[in-house]
Amino acid sequence: MITGVKHIIFDLGGVLLNIDYNLTEQAFVTAGVRNFGVLYSQLRQTDIFDRWETGQMSRGEFIKTMQQASDSPITDAQVLAAWNAMLLNFPVRRLQILQQLRNHYDLFLLSNTNEVHEEVFNQILHREHGIPNIGVFFDKVYLSHRVGLRKPMPEIFLRVLEDNGLVAGETLFIDDSPQHIATANDLGIQTIYLKDGMTIEHDVFKPKQ
């Protein structure tokens, strides 16, 4: 049972932003990166993507790495288009929920992401809703490529708690990846795991009847 919550930490992709990993995999496979599904998935990924999502690899290095992994010539634009194919949309109800929650809780964003996706998801938010960036909804935003740490490393959760003076037991973390939820649980943070098909608007913050 979730009780005594004063602070909420949200994941981004799959929680606030609709994403589809399969679209990116299909795009890379079509472009010649036949083993993309082995290199990257929601549950696990290789050192390439760990470095990319912790800011240890530049955009140019990432593009070159994916080009080298392809069986056929692939342009810079094709690499970026394939990588961004997973990013879909921000349902307006989720943004309304964030606005409402800000009146009652401290809100934080904790996302494994990279410089390219940060640009694009903010572009989507601005294009669809006229909102300049995702940070307007949160007290503080933690993006893995900016802080040099990524989930499920306990250090990134501890960074959020310590930076903001949060008590783990008074903090709720919402994420759609079980390995991230497991680390948060180990640290005493309350959690909600969004399994496939679950959404915050239908399964967590449901309107009162």
C-alpha atoms as a PDB file:
ATOM      1  CA  MET A   1       0.000   0.000   0.000  1.00  0.00           C
ATOM      2  CA  ILE A   2       1.260   3.493  -0.921  1.00  0.00           C
ATOM      3  CA  THR A   3       1.153   5.758   2.139  1.00  0.00           C
ATOM      4  CA  GLY A   4       2.774   8.942   3.417  1.00  0.00           C
ATOM      5  CA  VAL A   5       4.045  10.115   0.034  1.00  0.00           C
ATOM      6  CA  LYS A   6       5.368  13.676  -0.184  1.00  0.00           C
ATOM      7  CA  HIS A   7       7.541  13.399  -3.291  1.00  0.00           C
ATOM      8  CA  ILE A   8       7.028  11.630  -6.630  1.00  0.00           C
ATOM      9  CA  ILE A   9       9.759  10.646  -9.089  1.00  0.00           C
ATOM     10  CA  PHE A  10       8.560   9.906 -12.612  1.00  0.00           C
ATOM     11  CA  ASP A  11      10.231   7.996 -15.383  1.00  0.00           C
ATOM     12  CA  LEU A  12       9.683   9.551 -18.827  1.00  0.00           C
ATOM     13  CA  GLY A  13       9.458   7.016 -21.656  1.00  0.00           C
ATOM     14  CA  GLY A  14       6.558   4.596 -21.238  1.00  0.00           C
ATOM     15  CA  VAL A  15       5.178   6.599 -18.298  1.00  0.00           C
ATOM     16  CA  LEU A  16       4.685  10.163 -19.551  1.00  0.00           C
ATOM     17  CA  LEU A  17       5.828   9.836 -23.160  1.00  0.00           C
ATOM     18  CA  ASN A  18       4.432   7.047 -25.310  1.00  0.00           C
ATOM     19  CA  ILE A  19       7.244   5.044 -26.865  1.00  0.00           C
ATOM     20  CA  ASP A  20       7.608   1.954 -29.011  1.00  0.00           C
ATOM     21  CA  TYR A  21      11.040   0.281 -28.991  1.00  0.00           C
ATOM     22  CA  ASN A  22       9.937  -1.976 -31.844  1.00  0.00           C
ATOM     23  CA  LEU A  23       9.710   0.965 -34.245  1.00  0.00           C
ATOM     24  CA  THR A  24      13.353   1.837 -33.670  1.00  0.00           C
ATOM     25  CA  GLU A  25      14.424  -1.790 -33.944  1.00  0.00           C
ATOM     26  CA  GLN A  26      12.518  -2.211 -37.199  1.00  0.00           C
ATOM     27  CA  ALA A  27      14.008   0.990 -38.613  1.00  0.00           C
ATOM     28  CA  PHE A  28      17.566  -0.067 -37.780  1.00  0.00           C
ATOM     29  CA  VAL A  29      17.049  -3.594 -39.110  1.00  0.00           C
ATOM     30  CA  THR A  30      15.687  -2.141 -42.354  1.00  0.00           C
ATOM     31  CA  ALA A  31      18.727   0.139 -42.538  1.00  0.00           C
ATOM     32  CA  GLY A  32      21.077  -2.837 -42.131  1.00  0.00           C
ATOM     33  CA  VAL A  33      21.709  -3.109 -38.385  1.00  0.00           C
ATOM     34  CA  ARG A  34      20.378  -6.665 -38.269  1.00  0.00           C
ATOM     35  CA  ASN A  35      21.270  -7.380 -34.638  1.00  0.00           C
ATOM     36  CA  PHE A  36      19.860  -4.182 -33.142  1.00  0.00           C
ATOM     37  CA  GLY A  37      17.524  -6.155 -30.869  1.00  0.00           C
ATOM     38  CA  VAL A  38      20.555  -7.847 -29.333  1.00  0.00           C
ATOM     39  CA  LEU A  39      22.332  -4.535 -28.811  1.00  0.00           C
ATOM     40  CA  TYR A  40      19.406  -2.664 -27.234  1.00  0.00           C
ATOM     41  CA  SER A  41      16.109  -3.365 -25.491  1.00  0.00           C
ATOM     42  CA  GLN A  42      14.052  -2.058 -22.584  1.00  0.00           C
ATOM     43  CA  LEU A  43      15.473  -4.667 -20.238  1.00  0.00           C
ATOM     44  CA  ARG A  44      19.142  -4.670 -21.197  1.00  0.00           C
ATOM     45  CA  GLN A  45      21.661  -3.032 -23.465  1.00  0.00           C
ATOM     46  CA  THR A  46      25.320  -3.177 -24.439  1.00  0.00           C
ATOM     47  CA  ASP A  47      28.149  -0.860 -23.422  1.00  0.00           C
ATOM     48  CA  ILE A  48      27.483   1.267 -26.515  1.00  0.00           C
ATOM     49  CA  PHE A  49      24.157   2.459 -25.185  1.00  0.00           C
ATOM     50  CA  ASP A  50      25.331   2.672 -21.574  1.00  0.00           C
ATOM     51  CA  ARG A  51      28.014   5.129 -22.726  1.00  0.00           C
ATOM     52  CA  TRP A  52      25.563   6.991 -24.974  1.00  0.00           C
ATOM     53  CA  GLU A  53      23.048   7.415 -22.156  1.00  0.00           C
ATOM     54  CA  THR A  54      25.621   8.549 -19.593  1.00  0.00           C
ATOM     55  CA  GLY A  55      27.135  11.251 -21.791  1.00  0.00           C
ATOM     56  CA  GLN A  56      30.377   9.374 -22.451  1.00  0.00           C
ATOM     57  CA  MET A  57      29.769   9.209 -26.216  1.00  0.00           C
ATOM     58  CA  SER A  58      29.208  12.159 -28.513  1.00  0.00           C
ATOM     59  CA  ARG A  59      26.446  12.356 -31.100  1.00  0.00           C
ATOM     60  CA  GLY A  60      29.013  11.891 -33.860  1.00  0.00           C
ATOM     61  CA  GLU A  61      30.518   8.840 -32.169  1.00  0.00           C
ATOM     62  CA  PHE A  62      27.069   7.303 -31.717  1.00  0.00           C
ATOM     63  CA  ILE A  63      26.193   7.829 -35.372  1.00  0.00           C
ATOM     64  CA  LYS A  64      29.514   6.377 -36.516  1.00  0.00           C
ATOM     65  CA  THR A  65      29.104   3.344 -34.236  1.00  0.00           C
ATOM     66  CA  MET A  66      25.672   2.568 -35.667  1.00  0.00           C
ATOM     67  CA  GLN A  67      26.946   3.049 -39.212  1.00  0.00           C
ATOM     68  CA  GLN A  68      29.736   0.568 -38.520  1.00  0.00           C
ATOM     69  CA  ALA A  69      27.179  -1.919 -37.159  1.00  0.00           C
ATOM     70  CA  SER A  70      25.177  -1.786 -40.388  1.00  0.00           C
ATOM     71  CA  ASP A  71      25.528  -4.312 -43.203  1.00  0.00           C
ATOM     72  CA  SER A  72      24.886  -1.567 -45.757  1.00  0.00           C
ATOM     73  CA  PRO A  73      25.637   2.157 -46.097  1.00  0.00           C
ATOM     74  CA  ILE A  74      23.483   4.268 -43.779  1.00  0.00           C
ATOM     75  CA  THR A  75      23.471   8.060 -43.610  1.00  0.00           C
ATOM     76  CA  ASP A  76      23.672  10.211 -40.495  1.00  0.00           C
ATOM     77  CA  ALA A  77      20.052  11.246 -41.056  1.00  0.00           C
ATOM     78  CA  GLN A  78      18.940   7.611 -41.306  1.00  0.00           C
ATOM     79  CA  VAL A  79      20.651   6.750 -38.019  1.00  0.00           C
ATOM     80  CA  LEU A  80      18.962   9.643 -36.220  1.00  0.00           C
ATOM     81  CA  ALA A  81      15.571   8.939 -37.808  1.00  0.00           C
ATOM     82  CA  ALA A  82      15.759   5.286 -36.767  1.00  0.00           C
ATOM     83  CA  TRP A  83      16.874   6.166 -33.244  1.00  0.00           C
ATOM     84  CA  ASN A  84      14.045   8.679 -32.826  1.00  0.00           C
ATOM     85  CA  ALA A  85      11.355   6.411 -34.302  1.00  0.00           C
ATOM     86  CA  MET A  86      10.490   5.077 -30.827  1.00  0.00           C
ATOM     87  CA  LEU A  87       9.390   8.517 -29.566  1.00  0.00           C
ATOM     88  CA  LEU A  88       5.649   8.960 -30.107  1.00  0.00           C
ATOM     89  CA  ASN A  89       3.534  11.479 -28.173  1.00  0.00           C
ATOM     90  CA  PHE A  90       2.570  13.017 -24.826  1.00  0.00           C
ATOM     91  CA  PRO A  91      -1.106  12.339 -24.049  1.00  0.00           C
ATOM     92  CA  VAL A  92      -2.629  15.566 -22.764  1.00  0.00           C
ATOM     93  CA  ARG A  93      -4.219  13.840 -19.757  1.00  0.00           C
ATOM     94  CA  ARG A  94      -0.773  12.906 -18.420  1.00  0.00           C
ATOM     95  CA  LEU A  95       0.357  16.516 -18.584  1.00  0.00           C
ATOM     96  CA  GLN A  96      -2.808  17.600 -16.792  1.00  0.00           C
ATOM     97  CA  ILE A  97      -2.075  15.050 -14.064  1.00  0.00           C
ATOM     98  CA  LEU A  98       1.402  16.521 -13.577  1.00  0.00           C
ATOM     99  CA  GLN A  99      -0.057  20.012 -13.271  1.00  0.00           C
ATOM    100  CA  GLN A 100      -2.556  18.807 -10.665  1.00  0.00           C
ATOM    101  CA  LEU A 101       0.034  16.843  -8.684  1.00  0.00           C
ATOM    102  CA  ARG A 102       2.316  19.871  -8.409  1.00  0.00           C
ATOM    103  CA  ASN A 103      -0.202  21.408  -6.039  1.00  0.00           C
ATOM    104  CA  HIS A 104       0.301  18.572  -3.550  1.00  0.00           C
ATOM    105  CA  TYR A 105       3.723  16.932  -4.110  1.00  0.00           C
ATOM    106  CA  ASP A 106       7.321  17.664  -5.029  1.00  0.00           C
ATOM    107  CA  LEU A 107       7.804  16.254  -8.532  1.00  0.00           C
ATOM    108  CA  PHE A 108      11.006  14.977 -10.102  1.00  0.00           C
ATOM    109  CA  LEU A 109      11.862  13.433 -13.458  1.00  0.00           C
ATOM    110  CA  LEU A 110      14.431  10.618 -13.645  1.00  0.00           C
ATOM    111  CA  SER A 111      15.071   9.344 -17.152  1.00  0.00           C
ATOM    112  CA  ASN A 112      17.640   7.260 -18.971  1.00  0.00           C
ATOM    113  CA  THR A 113      18.070   9.274 -22.134  1.00  0.00           C
ATOM    114  CA  ASN A 114      20.569  10.942 -24.458  1.00  0.00           C
ATOM    115  CA  GLU A 115      21.151  14.315 -26.067  1.00  0.00           C
ATOM    116  CA  VAL A 116      19.305  13.441 -29.282  1.00  0.00           C
ATOM    117  CA  HIS A 117      16.193  12.135 -27.559  1.00  0.00           C
ATOM    118  CA  GLU A 118      16.147  15.114 -25.192  1.00  0.00           C
ATOM    119  CA  GLU A 119      15.989  17.445 -28.164  1.00  0.00           C
ATOM    120  CA  VAL A 120      13.294  15.450 -29.911  1.00  0.00           C
ATOM    121  CA  PHE A 121      10.949  14.773 -26.988  1.00  0.00           C
ATOM    122  CA  ASN A 122      11.003  18.479 -26.151  1.00  0.00           C
ATOM    123  CA  GLN A 123      10.240  19.249 -29.805  1.00  0.00           C
ATOM    124  CA  ILE A 124       7.283  16.851 -29.637  1.00  0.00           C
ATOM    125  CA  LEU A 125       6.051  18.520 -26.453  1.00  0.00           C
ATOM    126  CA  HIS A 126       6.308  21.972 -28.007  1.00  0.00           C
ATOM    127  CA  ARG A 127       4.734  20.945 -31.310  1.00  0.00           C
ATOM    128  CA  GLU A 128       1.813  19.082 -29.726  1.00  0.00           C
ATOM    129  CA  HIS A 129       1.106  21.255 -26.698  1.00  0.00           C
ATOM    130  CA  GLY A 130       3.032  24.524 -27.034  1.00  0.00           C
ATOM    131  CA  ILE A 131       5.106  23.701 -23.934  1.00  0.00           C
ATOM    132  CA  PRO A 132       8.811  24.596 -24.298  1.00  0.00           C
ATOM    133  CA  ASN A 133      10.306  21.644 -22.403  1.00  0.00           C
ATOM    134  CA  ILE A 134       9.423  18.871 -19.979  1.00  0.00           C
ATOM    135  CA  GLY A 135      11.167  20.653 -17.111  1.00  0.00           C
ATOM    136  CA  VAL A 136       8.250  23.061 -16.584  1.00  0.00           C
ATOM    137  CA  PHE A 137       6.333  20.280 -14.813  1.00  0.00           C
ATOM    138  CA  PHE A 138       9.052  19.350 -12.306  1.00  0.00           C
ATOM    139  CA  ASP A 139      10.972  20.747  -9.356  1.00  0.00           C
ATOM    140  CA  LYS A 140      14.098  19.175 -10.837  1.00  0.00           C
ATOM    141  CA  VAL A 141      14.946  16.991 -13.833  1.00  0.00           C
ATOM    142  CA  TYR A 142      17.578  14.238 -13.818  1.00  0.00           C
ATOM    143  CA  LEU A 143      18.581  12.997 -17.264  1.00  0.00           C
ATOM    144  CA  SER A 144      21.174  10.219 -17.369  1.00  0.00           C
ATOM    145  CA  HIS A 145      23.320  11.760 -20.090  1.00  0.00           C
ATOM    146  CA  ARG A 146      23.572  14.998 -18.104  1.00  0.00           C
ATOM    147  CA  VAL A 147      24.367  13.520 -14.676  1.00  0.00           C
ATOM    148  CA  GLY A 148      26.621  10.706 -15.914  1.00  0.00           C
ATOM    149  CA  LEU A 149      24.604   8.003 -14.150  1.00  0.00           C
ATOM    150  CA  ARG A 150      21.726   5.832 -15.278  1.00  0.00           C
ATOM    151  CA  LYS A 151      19.075   3.551 -13.830  1.00  0.00           C
ATOM    152  CA  PRO A 152      19.206   0.910 -12.397  1.00  0.00           C
ATOM    153  CA  MET A 153      22.405   2.169 -10.720  1.00  0.00           C
ATOM    154  CA  PRO A 154      21.553   2.978  -7.075  1.00  0.00           C
ATOM    155  CA  GLU A 155      23.793   6.050  -7.268  1.00  0.00           C
ATOM    156  CA  ILE A 156      21.359   7.960  -9.476  1.00  0.00           C
ATOM    157  CA  PHE A 157      18.469   7.333  -7.088  1.00  0.00           C
ATOM    158  CA  LEU A 158      20.634   8.409  -4.158  1.00  0.00           C
ATOM    159  CA  ARG A 159      21.577  11.562  -6.073  1.00  0.00           C
ATOM    160  CA  VAL A 160      17.922  12.544  -6.373  1.00  0.00           C
ATOM    161  CA  LEU A 161      17.230  11.823  -2.699  1.00  0.00           C
ATOM    162  CA  GLU A 162      20.333  13.565  -1.354  1.00  0.00           C
ATOM    163  CA  ASP A 163      20.202  16.608  -3.654  1.00  0.00           C
ATOM    164  CA  ASN A 164      16.692  17.403  -2.535  1.00  0.00           C
ATOM    165  CA  GLY A 165      16.691  16.186   1.065  1.00  0.00           C
ATOM    166  CA  LEU A 166      14.080  13.512   0.360  1.00  0.00           C
ATOM    167  CA  VAL A 167      13.256  10.669   2.737  1.00  0.00           C
ATOM    168  CA  ALA A 168      13.115   7.401   0.771  1.00  0.00           C
ATOM    169  CA  GLY A 169      10.007   6.152   2.558  1.00  0.00           C
ATOM    170  CA  GLU A 170       8.154   9.381   1.725  1.00  0.00           C
ATOM    171  CA  THR A 171       9.084   9.144  -1.950  1.00  0.00           C
ATOM    172  CA  LEU A 172       7.173   7.352  -4.721  1.00  0.00           C
ATOM    173  CA  PHE A 173       8.900   6.205  -7.918  1.00  0.00           C
ATOM    174  CA  ILE A 174       6.881   5.314 -11.031  1.00  0.00           C
ATOM    175  CA  ASP A 175       8.616   3.405 -13.841  1.00  0.00           C
ATOM    176  CA  ASP A 176       7.880   0.772 -16.491  1.00  0.00           C
ATOM    177  CA  SER A 177      11.141  -1.211 -16.206  1.00  0.00           C
ATOM    178  CA  PRO A 178      11.304  -3.916 -13.516  1.00  0.00           C
ATOM    179  CA  GLN A 179      15.058  -3.608 -12.971  1.00  0.00           C
ATOM    180  CA  HIS A 180      14.656   0.084 -12.097  1.00  0.00           C
ATOM    181  CA  ILE A 181      11.796  -0.641  -9.739  1.00  0.00           C
ATOM    182  CA  ALA A 182      13.907  -3.305  -8.000  1.00  0.00           C
ATOM    183  CA  THR A 183      16.713  -0.855  -7.211  1.00  0.00           C
ATOM    184  CA  ALA A 184      14.284   1.740  -5.873  1.00  0.00           C
ATOM    185  CA  ASN A 185      12.661  -0.890  -3.646  1.00  0.00           C
ATOM    186  CA  ASP A 186      16.059  -1.909  -2.295  1.00  0.00           C
ATOM    187  CA  LEU A 187      16.658   1.710  -1.277  1.00  0.00           C
ATOM    188  CA  GLY A 188      13.355   1.904   0.597  1.00  0.00           C
ATOM    189  CA  ILE A 189      11.579   4.040  -1.997  1.00  0.00           C
ATOM    190  CA  GLN A 190       7.901   3.276  -2.545  1.00  0.00           C
ATOM    191  CA  THR A 191       7.221   2.186  -6.118  1.00  0.00           C
ATOM    192  CA  ILE A 192       4.584   1.636  -8.743  1.00  0.00           C
ATOM    193  CA  TYR A 193       5.570  -0.637 -11.614  1.00  0.00           C
ATOM    194  CA  LEU A 194       3.666   0.139 -14.793  1.00  0.00           C
ATOM    195  CA  LYS A 195       3.371  -3.226 -16.505  1.00  0.00           C
ATOM    196  CA  ASP A 196       2.553  -3.540 -20.207  1.00  0.00           C
ATOM    197  CA  GLY A 197      -0.779  -1.935 -20.944  1.00  0.00           C
ATOM    198  CA  MET A 198      -0.882   0.120 -17.740  1.00  0.00           C
ATOM    199  CA  THR A 199      -0.944   3.929 -17.768  1.00  0.00           C
ATOM    200  CA  ILE A 200      -0.838   6.549 -15.050  1.00  0.00           C
ATOM    201  CA  GLU A 201      -4.147   8.015 -16.208  1.00  0.00           C
ATOM    202  CA  HIS A 202      -6.077   4.733 -16.143  1.00  0.00           C
ATOM    203  CA  ASP A 203      -4.328   2.733 -13.427  1.00  0.00           C
ATOM    204  CA  VAL A 204      -2.681   5.145 -10.976  1.00  0.00           C
ATOM    205  CA  PHE A 205      -4.213   8.616 -10.954  1.00  0.00           C
ATOM    206  CA  LYS A 206      -7.733   7.662 -11.961  1.00  0.00           C
ATOM    207  CA  PRO A 207     -10.449  10.343 -11.895  1.00  0.00           C
ATOM    208  CA  LYS A 208     -12.805  10.124  -8.953  1.00  0.00           C
ATOM    209  CA  GLN A 209     -16.139   8.552  -9.824  1.00  0.00           C
END
